């Protein structure tokens, strides 16, 4: 395993649990790929411009497009935050703001420990 994936609080789990079994399998496949492939194609993991280190895990299943926000911690650890089903071309500003807030909260909590 090249990377370790960690869930921050229950945000990802809640999103994942709300998906049907086939979407969950596609999410599992994508996360396993991110954990094990040295150079992850942008099709699966992409940096979001102007966000200071926020990334999106990109999952496509049939006509559904799903995004899970995340960031790197200590180079080989990926922290998963909120996920959502994308319904428009652009990333929803509200979801990006939520991802940034969770990222900030994660690092603040980490510094306190």
N, C-alpha and C. Protein backbone atom coordinates (compact mmCIF):
# COMPACT_ATOMS: atom_id res chain seq x y z
N UNK A 1 0.86 -1.19 0.00
CA UNK A 1 0.00 0.00 0.00
C UNK A 1 0.90 1.24 0.00
N UNK A 2 0.62 2.16 -0.90
CA UNK A 2 1.41 3.38 -1.04
C UNK A 2 0.85 4.49 -0.15
N UNK A 3 -0.46 4.56 -0.06
CA UNK A 3 -1.12 5.59 0.74
C UNK A 3 -2.09 4.94 1.72
N UNK A 4 -2.36 5.66 2.79
CA UNK A 4 -3.36 5.22 3.77
C UNK A 4 -4.52 6.21 3.70
N UNK A 5 -5.73 5.69 3.71
CA UNK A 5 -6.91 6.55 3.67
C UNK A 5 -7.59 6.51 5.04
N UNK A 6 -7.88 7.70 5.56
CA UNK A 6 -8.52 7.85 6.87
C UNK A 6 -9.79 8.68 6.67
N UNK A 7 -10.84 8.34 7.41
CA UNK A 7 -12.09 9.11 7.35
C UNK A 7 -12.11 10.11 8.49
N UNK A 8 -12.42 11.37 8.19
CA UNK A 8 -12.55 12.39 9.23
C UNK A 8 -13.99 12.41 9.71
N UNK A 9 -14.17 12.10 10.98
CA UNK A 9 -15.50 12.01 11.61
C UNK A 9 -16.38 11.09 10.77
N UNK A 10 -17.69 11.39 10.67
CA UNK A 10 -18.60 10.49 9.95
C UNK A 10 -19.05 11.02 8.59
N UNK A 11 -18.44 12.10 8.12
CA UNK A 11 -18.93 12.73 6.89
C UNK A 11 -18.88 11.78 5.70
N UNK A 12 -17.75 11.13 5.50
CA UNK A 12 -17.65 10.21 4.36
C UNK A 12 -18.54 8.99 4.57
N UNK A 13 -18.53 8.42 5.76
CA UNK A 13 -19.33 7.22 6.05
C UNK A 13 -20.82 7.48 5.81
N UNK A 14 -21.29 8.64 6.23
CA UNK A 14 -22.71 9.00 6.01
C UNK A 14 -23.02 9.06 4.52
N UNK A 15 -22.14 9.69 3.76
CA UNK A 15 -22.31 9.79 2.31
C UNK A 15 -22.29 8.39 1.69
N UNK A 16 -21.29 7.61 2.04
CA UNK A 16 -21.10 6.27 1.48
C UNK A 16 -22.32 5.38 1.78
N UNK A 17 -22.79 5.43 2.99
CA UNK A 17 -23.93 4.60 3.41
C UNK A 17 -25.21 4.95 2.65
N UNK A 18 -25.32 6.17 2.19
CA UNK A 18 -26.53 6.60 1.50
C UNK A 18 -26.54 6.19 0.02
N UNK A 19 -25.43 5.61 -0.47
CA UNK A 19 -25.35 5.21 -1.88
C UNK A 19 -25.79 3.76 -2.04
N UNK A 20 -26.22 3.41 -3.26
CA UNK A 20 -26.59 2.01 -3.49
C UNK A 20 -25.33 1.16 -3.61
N UNK A 21 -25.51 -0.15 -3.59
CA UNK A 21 -24.40 -1.09 -3.53
C UNK A 21 -23.44 -0.94 -4.72
N UNK A 22 -23.96 -0.68 -5.90
CA UNK A 22 -23.10 -0.57 -7.09
C UNK A 22 -22.23 0.69 -7.03
N UNK A 23 -22.79 1.78 -6.54
CA UNK A 23 -22.00 3.01 -6.37
C UNK A 23 -20.95 2.78 -5.29
N UNK A 24 -21.32 2.11 -4.20
CA UNK A 24 -20.36 1.81 -3.14
C UNK A 24 -19.19 0.99 -3.69
N UNK A 25 -19.47 0.02 -4.54
CA UNK A 25 -18.40 -0.79 -5.13
C UNK A 25 -17.47 0.05 -5.99
N UNK A 26 -18.03 1.00 -6.72
CA UNK A 26 -17.22 1.88 -7.55
C UNK A 26 -16.36 2.80 -6.67
N UNK A 27 -16.93 3.28 -5.58
CA UNK A 27 -16.16 4.10 -4.62
C UNK A 27 -15.03 3.26 -4.03
N UNK A 28 -15.34 2.03 -3.63
CA UNK A 28 -14.32 1.12 -3.08
C UNK A 28 -13.17 0.93 -4.08
N UNK A 29 -13.53 0.69 -5.33
CA UNK A 29 -12.53 0.49 -6.39
C UNK A 29 -11.63 1.72 -6.52
N UNK A 30 -12.25 2.89 -6.54
CA UNK A 30 -11.49 4.14 -6.69
C UNK A 30 -10.56 4.38 -5.51
N UNK A 31 -11.05 4.14 -4.30
CA UNK A 31 -10.22 4.35 -3.11
C UNK A 31 -9.06 3.35 -3.07
N UNK A 32 -9.31 2.10 -3.47
CA UNK A 32 -8.25 1.08 -3.51
C UNK A 32 -7.18 1.50 -4.52
N UNK A 33 -7.60 2.03 -5.65
CA UNK A 33 -6.67 2.51 -6.67
C UNK A 33 -5.79 3.63 -6.10
N UNK A 34 -6.41 4.58 -5.40
CA UNK A 34 -5.68 5.70 -4.81
C UNK A 34 -4.68 5.20 -3.77
N UNK A 35 -5.04 4.17 -3.03
CA UNK A 35 -4.14 3.61 -2.01
C UNK A 35 -2.94 2.90 -2.62
N UNK A 36 -3.10 2.32 -3.78
CA UNK A 36 -2.08 1.39 -4.28
C UNK A 36 -1.31 1.83 -5.52
N UNK A 37 -1.77 2.83 -6.25
CA UNK A 37 -1.09 3.25 -7.48
C UNK A 37 -0.18 4.43 -7.18
N UNK A 38 1.06 4.36 -7.64
CA UNK A 38 2.03 5.44 -7.37
C UNK A 38 1.55 6.78 -7.94
N UNK A 39 1.23 6.81 -9.22
CA UNK A 39 0.77 8.05 -9.86
C UNK A 39 -0.71 7.90 -10.21
N UNK A 40 -1.55 8.49 -9.40
CA UNK A 40 -3.00 8.36 -9.58
C UNK A 40 -3.45 9.29 -10.71
N UNK A 41 -4.13 8.75 -11.73
CA UNK A 41 -4.62 9.61 -12.82
C UNK A 41 -5.58 10.68 -12.30
N UNK A 42 -5.54 11.84 -12.93
CA UNK A 42 -6.41 12.95 -12.55
C UNK A 42 -7.89 12.57 -12.68
N UNK A 43 -8.17 11.58 -13.48
CA UNK A 43 -9.53 11.09 -13.63
C UNK A 43 -10.10 10.61 -12.28
N UNK A 44 -9.22 10.21 -11.37
CA UNK A 44 -9.65 9.68 -10.07
C UNK A 44 -9.35 10.59 -8.89
N UNK A 45 -8.33 11.43 -8.98
CA UNK A 45 -7.95 12.30 -7.87
C UNK A 45 -7.40 13.59 -8.45
N UNK A 46 -8.04 14.70 -8.11
CA UNK A 46 -7.65 15.98 -8.72
C UNK A 46 -7.60 17.08 -7.66
N UNK A 47 -6.55 17.91 -7.76
CA UNK A 47 -6.44 19.08 -6.89
C UNK A 47 -7.47 20.12 -7.34
N UNK A 48 -8.13 20.75 -6.38
CA UNK A 48 -9.10 21.79 -6.70
C UNK A 48 -8.37 23.12 -6.65
N UNK A 49 -8.41 23.85 -7.74
CA UNK A 49 -7.68 25.12 -7.85
C UNK A 49 -8.11 26.10 -6.76
N UNK A 50 -7.13 26.89 -6.31
CA UNK A 50 -7.35 27.96 -5.34
C UNK A 50 -7.95 27.49 -4.02
N UNK A 51 -7.55 26.30 -3.56
CA UNK A 51 -8.11 25.78 -2.30
C UNK A 51 -7.05 25.40 -1.29
N UNK A 52 -5.79 25.67 -1.57
CA UNK A 52 -4.72 25.37 -0.61
C UNK A 52 -4.72 23.92 -0.16
N UNK A 53 -4.66 23.01 -1.12
CA UNK A 53 -4.48 21.61 -0.76
C UNK A 53 -5.72 20.76 -0.66
N UNK A 54 -6.87 21.25 -1.11
CA UNK A 54 -8.07 20.43 -1.12
C UNK A 54 -8.13 19.66 -2.45
N UNK A 55 -8.43 18.37 -2.35
CA UNK A 55 -8.52 17.52 -3.53
C UNK A 55 -9.92 16.93 -3.62
N UNK A 56 -10.24 16.39 -4.79
CA UNK A 56 -11.49 15.67 -4.94
C UNK A 56 -11.20 14.28 -5.47
N UNK A 57 -11.79 13.28 -4.80
CA UNK A 57 -11.79 11.92 -5.31
C UNK A 57 -12.96 11.89 -6.29
N UNK A 58 -12.69 11.41 -7.51
CA UNK A 58 -13.69 11.48 -8.57
C UNK A 58 -14.20 10.08 -8.90
N UNK A 59 -15.50 9.90 -8.75
CA UNK A 59 -16.12 8.61 -9.00
C UNK A 59 -17.25 8.81 -10.01
N UNK A 60 -17.22 7.98 -11.04
CA UNK A 60 -18.30 8.02 -12.03
C UNK A 60 -18.90 6.62 -12.13
N UNK A 61 -20.23 6.56 -12.01
CA UNK A 61 -20.91 5.29 -12.19
C UNK A 61 -22.14 5.54 -13.05
N UNK A 62 -22.18 4.90 -14.22
CA UNK A 62 -23.25 5.12 -15.21
C UNK A 62 -23.40 6.62 -15.43
N UNK A 63 -24.58 7.17 -15.15
CA UNK A 63 -24.78 8.61 -15.36
C UNK A 63 -24.49 9.44 -14.12
N UNK A 64 -24.12 8.79 -13.03
CA UNK A 64 -23.87 9.51 -11.78
C UNK A 64 -22.42 9.93 -11.63
N UNK A 65 -22.22 11.14 -11.16
CA UNK A 65 -20.89 11.66 -10.88
C UNK A 65 -20.85 12.00 -9.39
N UNK A 66 -19.87 11.43 -8.71
CA UNK A 66 -19.76 11.60 -7.27
C UNK A 66 -18.40 12.20 -6.94
N UNK A 67 -18.36 13.05 -5.92
CA UNK A 67 -17.11 13.66 -5.49
C UNK A 67 -16.98 13.50 -3.99
N UNK A 68 -15.74 13.27 -3.57
CA UNK A 68 -15.42 13.18 -2.14
C UNK A 68 -14.23 14.10 -1.93
N UNK A 69 -14.38 15.10 -1.08
CA UNK A 69 -13.27 16.01 -0.81
C UNK A 69 -12.30 15.37 0.16
N UNK A 70 -11.03 15.70 -0.02
CA UNK A 70 -9.99 15.13 0.82
C UNK A 70 -8.76 16.03 0.79
N UNK A 71 -7.79 15.68 1.63
CA UNK A 71 -6.50 16.36 1.60
C UNK A 71 -5.43 15.36 2.01
N UNK A 72 -4.19 15.74 1.77
CA UNK A 72 -3.07 14.91 2.19
C UNK A 72 -2.59 15.37 3.55
N UNK A 73 -2.15 14.42 4.35
CA UNK A 73 -1.53 14.72 5.63
C UNK A 73 -0.26 13.88 5.69
N UNK A 74 0.86 14.53 5.90
CA UNK A 74 2.16 13.84 5.96
C UNK A 74 2.43 13.01 4.72
N UNK A 75 2.08 13.53 3.56
CA UNK A 75 2.47 12.99 2.26
C UNK A 75 1.77 11.71 1.83
N UNK A 76 1.67 10.71 2.70
CA UNK A 76 1.12 9.41 2.30
C UNK A 76 -0.21 9.07 2.96
N UNK A 77 -0.78 10.03 3.67
CA UNK A 77 -2.07 9.80 4.33
C UNK A 77 -3.09 10.72 3.68
N UNK A 78 -4.22 10.14 3.30
CA UNK A 78 -5.30 10.94 2.71
C UNK A 78 -6.47 10.94 3.69
N UNK A 79 -6.96 12.14 3.99
CA UNK A 79 -8.07 12.30 4.90
C UNK A 79 -9.32 12.59 4.07
N UNK A 80 -10.35 11.73 4.17
CA UNK A 80 -11.59 11.93 3.43
C UNK A 80 -12.56 12.77 4.25
N UNK A 81 -13.19 13.73 3.57
CA UNK A 81 -14.18 14.60 4.20
C UNK A 81 -15.57 14.31 3.63
N UNK A 82 -16.25 15.34 3.20
CA UNK A 82 -17.62 15.23 2.71
C UNK A 82 -17.68 14.71 1.27
N UNK A 83 -18.76 14.02 0.97
CA UNK A 83 -19.00 13.54 -0.38
C UNK A 83 -20.38 14.00 -0.83
N UNK A 84 -20.58 14.03 -2.15
CA UNK A 84 -21.87 14.44 -2.69
C UNK A 84 -21.98 13.95 -4.13
N UNK A 85 -23.20 13.94 -4.63
CA UNK A 85 -23.42 13.63 -6.04
C UNK A 85 -23.44 14.94 -6.81
N UNK A 86 -22.62 14.99 -7.84
CA UNK A 86 -22.48 16.21 -8.63
C UNK A 86 -23.58 16.25 -9.67
N UNK A 87 -24.26 17.38 -9.77
CA UNK A 87 -25.39 17.49 -10.70
C UNK A 87 -25.17 18.55 -11.78
N UNK A 88 -24.10 19.36 -11.64
CA UNK A 88 -23.81 20.39 -12.64
C UNK A 88 -22.34 20.30 -13.04
N UNK A 89 -21.97 21.05 -14.08
CA UNK A 89 -20.58 21.05 -14.54
C UNK A 89 -19.62 21.55 -13.47
N UNK A 90 -19.99 22.65 -12.82
CA UNK A 90 -19.10 23.26 -11.83
C UNK A 90 -19.28 22.59 -10.47
N UNK A 91 -18.19 22.60 -9.70
CA UNK A 91 -18.28 22.12 -8.32
C UNK A 91 -19.10 23.12 -7.52
N UNK A 92 -20.08 22.66 -6.75
CA UNK A 92 -20.88 23.58 -5.94
C UNK A 92 -20.03 24.29 -4.89
N UNK A 93 -20.12 25.60 -4.89
CA UNK A 93 -19.34 26.43 -3.96
C UNK A 93 -19.60 26.02 -2.51
N UNK A 94 -20.85 25.70 -2.20
CA UNK A 94 -21.23 25.31 -0.83
C UNK A 94 -20.47 24.04 -0.41
N UNK A 95 -20.32 23.09 -1.32
CA UNK A 95 -19.61 21.84 -1.00
C UNK A 95 -18.11 22.10 -0.83
N UNK A 96 -17.54 22.96 -1.68
CA UNK A 96 -16.12 23.31 -1.56
C UNK A 96 -15.87 23.98 -0.21
N UNK A 97 -16.75 24.92 0.17
CA UNK A 97 -16.60 25.61 1.45
C UNK A 97 -16.68 24.63 2.61
N UNK A 98 -17.58 23.66 2.50
CA UNK A 98 -17.70 22.64 3.56
C UNK A 98 -16.41 21.82 3.64
N UNK A 99 -15.86 21.42 2.49
CA UNK A 99 -14.61 20.67 2.45
C UNK A 99 -13.46 21.45 3.07
N UNK A 100 -13.38 22.74 2.74
CA UNK A 100 -12.31 23.59 3.30
C UNK A 100 -12.47 23.74 4.80
N UNK A 101 -13.71 23.89 5.26
CA UNK A 101 -13.98 24.02 6.69
C UNK A 101 -13.56 22.74 7.43
N UNK A 102 -13.89 21.58 6.87
CA UNK A 102 -13.53 20.31 7.50
C UNK A 102 -12.02 20.11 7.51
N UNK A 103 -11.36 20.51 6.43
CA UNK A 103 -9.90 20.41 6.36
C UNK A 103 -9.26 21.26 7.46
N UNK A 104 -9.73 22.49 7.59
CA UNK A 104 -9.21 23.40 8.63
C UNK A 104 -9.46 22.81 10.02
N UNK A 105 -10.66 22.30 10.23
CA UNK A 105 -11.03 21.70 11.52
C UNK A 105 -10.13 20.49 11.82
N UNK A 106 -9.89 19.66 10.82
CA UNK A 106 -9.04 18.48 10.99
C UNK A 106 -7.64 18.88 11.49
N UNK A 107 -7.02 19.86 10.81
CA UNK A 107 -5.65 20.25 11.19
C UNK A 107 -5.62 20.99 12.52
N UNK A 108 -6.66 21.74 12.85
CA UNK A 108 -6.73 22.38 14.16
C UNK A 108 -6.80 21.32 15.27
N UNK A 109 -7.65 20.32 15.06
CA UNK A 109 -7.76 19.24 16.06
C UNK A 109 -6.46 18.46 16.17
N UNK A 110 -5.80 18.25 15.07
CA UNK A 110 -4.53 17.51 15.07
C UNK A 110 -3.46 18.27 15.86
N UNK A 111 -3.41 19.59 15.70
CA UNK A 111 -2.42 20.40 16.42
C UNK A 111 -2.66 20.37 17.92
N UNK A 112 -3.92 20.27 18.31
CA UNK A 112 -4.26 20.25 19.74
C UNK A 112 -3.82 18.95 20.42
N UNK A 113 -3.76 17.87 19.65
CA UNK A 113 -3.41 16.57 20.24
C UNK A 113 -1.96 16.48 20.60
